[in-house]
Amino acid sequence: MAARDELKAVVKKKQDGARSGKTIKVTLLRSPINTRASHRATVRGLGLRRLHHTVEVEDTPAVRGMISKVGYLLKLED
């Protein structure tokens, strides 16, 4: 039981840390028209809807991977 409680505490601490982490401002500068379907889906997954639309996303490895995939369409600000 004690091990399970410790594990839950560690998981909760990691989740709380992820929520209070840094954010990145991402702006869509180029149109995703005529790009691969997976790239269009990635742009949508980042929350970008139209040209020059800016969103603030959490700085996580998953988001960094998404940005890396479609970086040629985006502008980043810290």
Protein backbone atom coordinates (compact mmCIF):
# COMPACT_ATOMS: atom_id res chain seq x y z
CA MET A 1 0.00 0.00 0.00
CA ALA A 2 2.76 2.45 0.88
CA ALA A 3 4.45 1.90 -2.48
CA ARG A 4 1.22 2.60 -4.34
CA ASP A 5 0.70 5.83 -2.38
CA GLU A 6 4.25 6.92 -3.15
CA LEU A 7 3.72 6.19 -6.85
CA LYS A 8 0.49 8.20 -6.89
CA ALA A 9 2.28 11.11 -5.21
CA VAL A 10 5.09 11.05 -7.81
CA VAL A 11 2.62 10.90 -10.71
CA LYS A 12 0.59 13.77 -9.29
CA LYS A 13 3.73 15.84 -8.77
CA LYS A 14 4.79 15.26 -12.40
CA GLN A 15 1.32 16.20 -13.67
CA ASP A 16 1.25 19.37 -11.59
CA GLY A 17 4.73 20.26 -12.83
CA ALA A 18 3.67 19.82 -16.44
CA ARG A 19 0.69 22.13 -15.99
CA SER A 20 2.72 24.93 -14.46
CA GLY A 21 5.51 24.70 -17.06
CA LYS A 22 6.62 27.17 -19.66
CA THR A 23 4.57 28.06 -22.69
CA ILE A 24 5.47 28.84 -26.29
CA LYS A 25 3.66 31.25 -28.61
CA VAL A 26 3.14 29.69 -32.03
CA THR A 27 1.90 31.65 -35.07
CA LEU A 28 0.80 30.14 -38.38
CA LEU A 29 2.59 32.11 -41.12
CA ARG A 30 2.21 29.88 -44.18
CA SER A 31 -0.89 28.13 -45.42
CA PRO A 32 -1.18 24.37 -44.84
CA ILE A 33 -3.03 24.05 -48.17
CA ASN A 34 -1.16 21.70 -50.49
CA THR A 35 0.78 20.09 -47.63
CA ARG A 36 0.52 16.53 -46.41
CA ALA A 37 -2.65 15.57 -44.58
CA SER A 38 -0.64 14.68 -41.48
CA HIS A 39 0.91 18.17 -41.48
CA ARG A 40 -2.52 19.79 -41.75
CA ALA A 41 -3.69 17.63 -38.85
CA THR A 42 -0.66 18.65 -36.80
CA VAL A 43 -1.40 22.34 -37.40
CA ARG A 44 -4.97 21.76 -36.22
CA GLY A 45 -3.66 19.80 -33.23
CA LEU A 46 -1.63 22.83 -32.20
CA GLY A 47 -4.87 24.81 -32.18
CA LEU A 48 -4.05 26.98 -35.19
CA ARG A 49 -7.05 27.81 -37.37
CA ARG A 50 -6.07 30.53 -39.86
CA LEU A 51 -3.08 32.52 -41.11
CA HIS A 52 -1.46 34.81 -38.54
CA HIS A 53 -3.41 33.07 -35.76
CA THR A 54 -1.33 32.86 -32.57
CA VAL A 55 -1.82 30.36 -29.76
CA GLU A 56 0.06 29.71 -26.55
CA VAL A 57 0.88 26.02 -26.01
CA GLU A 58 2.66 24.22 -23.19
CA ASP A 59 6.34 23.47 -23.71
CA THR A 60 6.30 19.66 -23.66
CA PRO A 61 8.25 17.12 -25.71
CA ALA A 62 5.07 16.19 -27.60
CA VAL A 63 4.39 19.80 -28.59
CA ARG A 64 8.05 20.30 -29.49
CA GLY A 65 7.78 17.31 -31.84
CA MET A 66 4.66 18.77 -33.46
CA ILE A 67 6.42 22.11 -33.93
CA SER A 68 9.43 20.35 -35.42
CA LYS A 69 7.22 18.53 -37.91
CA VAL A 70 5.53 21.67 -39.30
CA GLY A 71 8.13 24.27 -38.36
CA TYR A 72 8.33 25.49 -41.95
CA LEU A 73 4.78 26.86 -41.56
CA LEU A 74 5.24 28.49 -38.14
CA LYS A 75 6.87 31.32 -36.24
CA LEU A 76 7.85 30.72 -32.59
CA GLU A 77 8.18 33.08 -29.64
CA ASP A 78 9.19 32.13 -26.11
